[in-house]
N, C-alpha and C. Protein backbone atom coordinates (compact mmCIF):
# COMPACT_ATOMS: atom_id res chain seq x y z
N UNK A 1 81.32 51.59 81.65
CA UNK A 1 81.24 52.40 80.34
C UNK A 1 82.10 53.51 80.68
N UNK A 2 83.20 53.79 79.63
CA UNK A 2 84.24 54.71 79.69
C UNK A 2 83.45 56.02 79.75
N UNK A 3 84.09 57.19 80.69
CA UNK A 3 83.64 58.37 80.93
C UNK A 3 84.90 59.30 81.48
N UNK A 4 84.56 60.58 80.98
CA UNK A 4 85.52 61.84 81.40
C UNK A 4 84.60 62.61 82.28
N UNK A 5 85.43 62.75 83.52
CA UNK A 5 84.69 63.30 84.75
C UNK A 5 85.44 64.64 85.10
N UNK A 6 84.93 65.38 85.74
CA UNK A 6 84.92 66.80 86.14
C UNK A 6 85.93 66.99 86.96
N UNK A 7 85.88 65.91 87.71
CA UNK A 7 86.75 66.09 89.37
C UNK A 7 87.75 64.94 89.36
N UNK A 8 89.12 65.40 89.86
CA UNK A 8 90.12 63.95 89.97
C UNK A 8 89.96 62.97 90.43
N UNK A 9 89.01 63.07 91.62
CA UNK A 9 88.67 62.07 92.76
C UNK A 9 87.83 60.93 92.08
N UNK A 10 87.40 61.17 90.92
CA UNK A 10 86.49 60.02 90.42
C UNK A 10 87.36 59.24 89.72
N UNK A 11 88.39 59.74 89.18
CA UNK A 11 89.49 58.71 88.41
C UNK A 11 90.36 58.15 89.68
N UNK A 12 90.60 58.93 90.69
CA UNK A 12 91.31 57.84 91.76
C UNK A 12 90.57 57.06 92.49
N UNK A 13 89.48 56.92 92.26
CA UNK A 13 88.30 56.05 92.61
C UNK A 13 88.09 55.30 91.56
N UNK A 14 88.68 55.00 90.22
CA UNK A 14 88.05 54.01 89.16
C UNK A 14 87.86 54.51 88.30
N UNK A 15 87.49 55.83 88.00
CA UNK A 15 87.19 56.43 86.69
C UNK A 15 88.34 56.41 85.69
N UNK A 16 87.87 56.45 84.37
CA UNK A 16 88.89 56.28 83.26
C UNK A 16 89.79 57.65 83.16
N UNK A 17 88.87 58.75 83.08
CA UNK A 17 89.70 60.08 82.78
C UNK A 17 89.01 61.16 83.80
N UNK A 18 89.78 62.13 83.64
CA UNK A 18 89.03 63.88 84.45
C UNK A 18 89.75 64.82 83.38
N UNK A 19 89.03 65.73 83.12
CA UNK A 19 89.45 67.01 82.71
C UNK A 19 88.76 68.08 83.69
N UNK A 20 89.32 68.96 84.43
CA UNK A 20 88.73 69.99 85.07
C UNK A 20 89.37 71.02 85.73
N UNK A 21 89.06 71.74 86.51
CA UNK A 21 89.60 72.71 87.32
C UNK A 21 90.29 72.03 88.44
N UNK A 22 91.52 72.60 88.76
CA UNK A 22 92.46 72.28 89.94
C UNK A 22 91.63 72.89 91.39
N UNK A 23 91.01 71.82 92.19
CA UNK A 23 90.09 72.34 93.18
C UNK A 23 91.03 73.37 94.06
N UNK A 24 92.39 72.94 94.39
CA UNK A 24 92.97 73.65 95.68
C UNK A 24 93.53 75.03 95.03
N UNK A 25 93.74 74.93 93.65
CA UNK A 25 94.03 76.35 93.16
C UNK A 25 92.87 77.05 93.16
N UNK A 26 91.60 76.51 92.83
CA UNK A 26 90.41 77.47 93.07
C UNK A 26 90.26 77.84 94.72
N UNK A 27 90.54 77.08 95.63
CA UNK A 27 90.31 77.30 97.10
C UNK A 27 91.45 78.67 97.17
N UNK A 28 92.41 78.38 96.57
CA UNK A 28 93.45 79.63 96.82
C UNK A 28 93.06 81.07 96.36
N UNK A 29 92.52 80.58 95.09
CA UNK A 29 92.01 82.05 94.37
C UNK A 29 90.70 82.45 95.22
N UNK A 30 89.97 81.79 95.84
CA UNK A 30 88.94 82.31 96.91
C UNK A 30 89.17 82.72 97.99
N UNK A 31 90.36 82.56 98.60
CA UNK A 31 90.73 82.82 100.07
C UNK A 31 91.01 84.48 100.22
N UNK A 32 91.71 85.02 98.87
CA UNK A 32 91.67 86.54 99.06
C UNK A 32 90.33 87.25 98.97
N UNK A 33 89.35 86.85 98.00
CA UNK A 33 88.23 87.11 97.93
C UNK A 33 87.58 87.35 99.43
N UNK A 34 87.55 86.01 100.28
CA UNK A 34 87.05 85.94 101.67
C UNK A 34 87.64 86.98 102.56
N UNK A 35 88.83 87.22 102.21
CA UNK A 35 89.96 88.25 103.14
C UNK A 35 89.11 89.51 102.91
N UNK A 36 88.87 89.84 101.74
CA UNK A 36 88.37 91.28 101.30
C UNK A 36 86.99 91.38 101.74
N UNK A 37 86.14 90.63 101.56
CA UNK A 37 84.69 90.72 102.24
C UNK A 37 84.64 90.66 103.40
N UNK A 38 85.69 90.23 104.42
CA UNK A 38 85.73 90.20 105.88
C UNK A 38 86.37 91.54 106.22
N UNK A 39 87.06 92.25 105.41
CA UNK A 39 87.44 93.24 105.79
C UNK A 39 86.73 94.69 105.13
N UNK A 40 85.33 94.22 104.98
CA UNK A 40 84.44 95.35 104.64
C UNK A 40 84.27 95.48 103.12
N UNK A 41 84.77 94.92 102.01
CA UNK A 41 84.46 95.19 100.62
C UNK A 41 83.11 94.67 100.26
N UNK A 42 82.52 95.30 99.36
CA UNK A 42 81.32 94.99 99.18
C UNK A 42 81.45 93.57 97.78
N UNK A 43 80.82 92.62 97.87
CA UNK A 43 80.88 91.27 97.08
C UNK A 43 80.53 91.85 95.73
N UNK A 44 79.31 92.70 95.54
CA UNK A 44 79.22 93.29 94.06
C UNK A 44 80.28 94.21 93.55
N UNK A 45 81.28 94.44 94.10
CA UNK A 45 82.37 95.09 93.72
C UNK A 45 83.45 94.50 93.64
N UNK A 46 83.60 93.18 93.75
CA UNK A 46 84.63 92.59 93.36
C UNK A 46 84.52 91.95 92.18
N UNK A 47 85.54 91.66 91.24
CA UNK A 47 85.75 91.17 89.79
C UNK A 47 85.08 89.60 89.95
N UNK A 48 84.68 89.14 88.99
CA UNK A 48 84.27 87.79 88.80
C UNK A 48 85.50 87.32 88.36
N UNK A 49 86.09 85.80 88.96
CA UNK A 49 87.22 85.01 88.57
C UNK A 49 87.02 84.01 87.99
N UNK A 50 87.54 83.60 86.84
CA UNK A 50 87.33 82.44 86.34
C UNK A 50 88.66 81.28 86.72
N UNK A 51 88.77 80.05 86.70
CA UNK A 51 89.41 79.19 86.87
C UNK A 51 90.62 79.41 86.31
N UNK A 52 92.04 79.27 86.66
CA UNK A 52 93.06 79.56 85.88
C UNK A 52 94.01 78.35 85.44
N UNK A 53 93.64 77.22 86.32
CA UNK A 53 94.47 76.07 86.09
C UNK A 53 93.58 74.80 86.05
N UNK A 54 93.79 74.10 84.74
CA UNK A 54 92.95 72.99 84.41
C UNK A 54 94.02 71.85 84.51
N UNK A 55 93.48 70.61 84.83
CA UNK A 55 94.17 69.54 84.91
C UNK A 55 93.67 67.98 84.39
N UNK A 56 94.41 67.38 83.53
CA UNK A 56 93.84 66.05 83.10
C UNK A 56 94.66 64.65 83.64
N UNK A 57 93.81 63.86 84.27
CA UNK A 57 94.31 62.63 84.81
C UNK A 57 93.41 61.65 84.23
N UNK A 58 94.58 60.50 83.76
CA UNK A 58 94.26 59.37 83.18
C UNK A 58 94.47 58.18 84.08
N UNK A 59 93.68 57.30 84.32
CA UNK A 59 93.84 55.97 84.89
C UNK A 59 93.92 54.65 83.84
N UNK A 60 95.34 54.36 84.02
CA UNK A 60 95.68 53.40 82.98
C UNK A 60 94.98 52.11 83.16
N UNK A 61 94.64 51.98 84.71
CA UNK A 61 94.20 50.67 85.41
C UNK A 61 92.87 50.32 84.60
N UNK A 62 92.13 51.32 84.93
CA UNK A 62 90.72 51.27 84.42
C UNK A 62 90.62 51.01 82.89
N UNK A 63 91.54 52.00 82.03
CA UNK A 63 91.51 51.63 80.59
C UNK A 63 91.97 50.44 80.41
N UNK A 64 92.76 49.58 80.74
CA UNK A 64 93.15 48.16 80.64
C UNK A 64 92.00 47.18 81.01
N UNK A 65 91.17 47.54 82.17
CA UNK A 65 90.20 46.61 82.75
C UNK A 65 89.00 46.76 81.57
N UNK A 66 88.88 48.06 80.70
CA UNK A 66 87.85 48.50 79.81
C UNK A 66 88.43 47.69 78.32
N UNK A 67 89.42 47.53 78.34
CA UNK A 67 90.19 46.77 77.06
C UNK A 67 90.53 48.10 76.02
N UNK A 68 90.61 49.29 76.85
CA UNK A 68 91.00 50.32 75.90
C UNK A 68 92.55 50.80 75.76
N UNK A 69 92.83 51.44 74.70
CA UNK A 69 94.30 51.84 74.29
C UNK A 69 94.13 53.33 74.37
N UNK A 70 94.90 54.02 75.40
CA UNK A 70 94.97 55.26 75.51
C UNK A 70 96.02 56.07 74.67
N UNK A 71 95.64 56.53 73.74
CA UNK A 71 96.71 57.20 72.89
C UNK A 71 98.11 57.83 73.53
N UNK A 72 99.44 57.59 73.43
CA UNK A 72 100.61 58.23 74.03
C UNK A 72 100.54 59.66 74.08
N UNK A 73 99.98 60.14 72.67
CA UNK A 73 99.84 61.97 72.76
C UNK A 73 99.04 62.34 74.32
N UNK A 74 98.10 61.49 74.41
CA UNK A 74 97.33 61.98 75.59
C UNK A 74 98.10 61.72 76.87
N UNK A 75 98.71 60.79 76.95
CA UNK A 75 99.51 60.55 78.11
C UNK A 75 100.60 61.44 78.48
N UNK A 76 101.20 61.86 77.27
CA UNK A 76 102.19 62.79 77.57
C UNK A 76 101.66 64.28 77.98
N UNK A 77 100.62 64.51 77.58
CA UNK A 77 100.06 65.68 78.17
C UNK A 77 99.13 65.96 79.23
N UNK A 78 98.85 64.49 79.78
CA UNK A 78 98.10 64.38 80.94
C UNK A 78 99.05 65.03 82.06
N UNK A 79 98.38 65.49 83.46
CA UNK A 79 98.93 66.06 84.56
C UNK A 79 99.19 65.05 85.44
N UNK A 80 98.39 64.00 85.35
CA UNK A 80 99.09 62.77 86.14
C UNK A 80 98.36 61.32 85.51
N UNK A 81 99.30 60.28 85.50
CA UNK A 81 98.79 59.22 84.81
C UNK A 81 98.81 58.07 86.10
N UNK A 82 97.62 57.41 86.61
CA UNK A 82 97.61 56.54 87.46
C UNK A 82 97.50 55.26 86.73
N UNK A 83 98.61 54.11 87.27
CA UNK A 83 99.14 53.18 86.70
C UNK A 83 98.43 51.87 87.61
């Protein structure tokens, strides 16, 4: 069954497509927070941050196995296409 996942590792494992946050970028954003907390800042005083980078990954091999045709406009916009 075709599905859209929120994490890219599902697509690299054979899923059809993912759209979600870039995990590496999220960890990079978290590091300064941890540093500030370890230096004595109160967590309640730190601002809430939302993810800033999202990525789209499409697995063409899975699409072909399911008999689906992925629109070229989606392939152009994808951050990564697995063939």
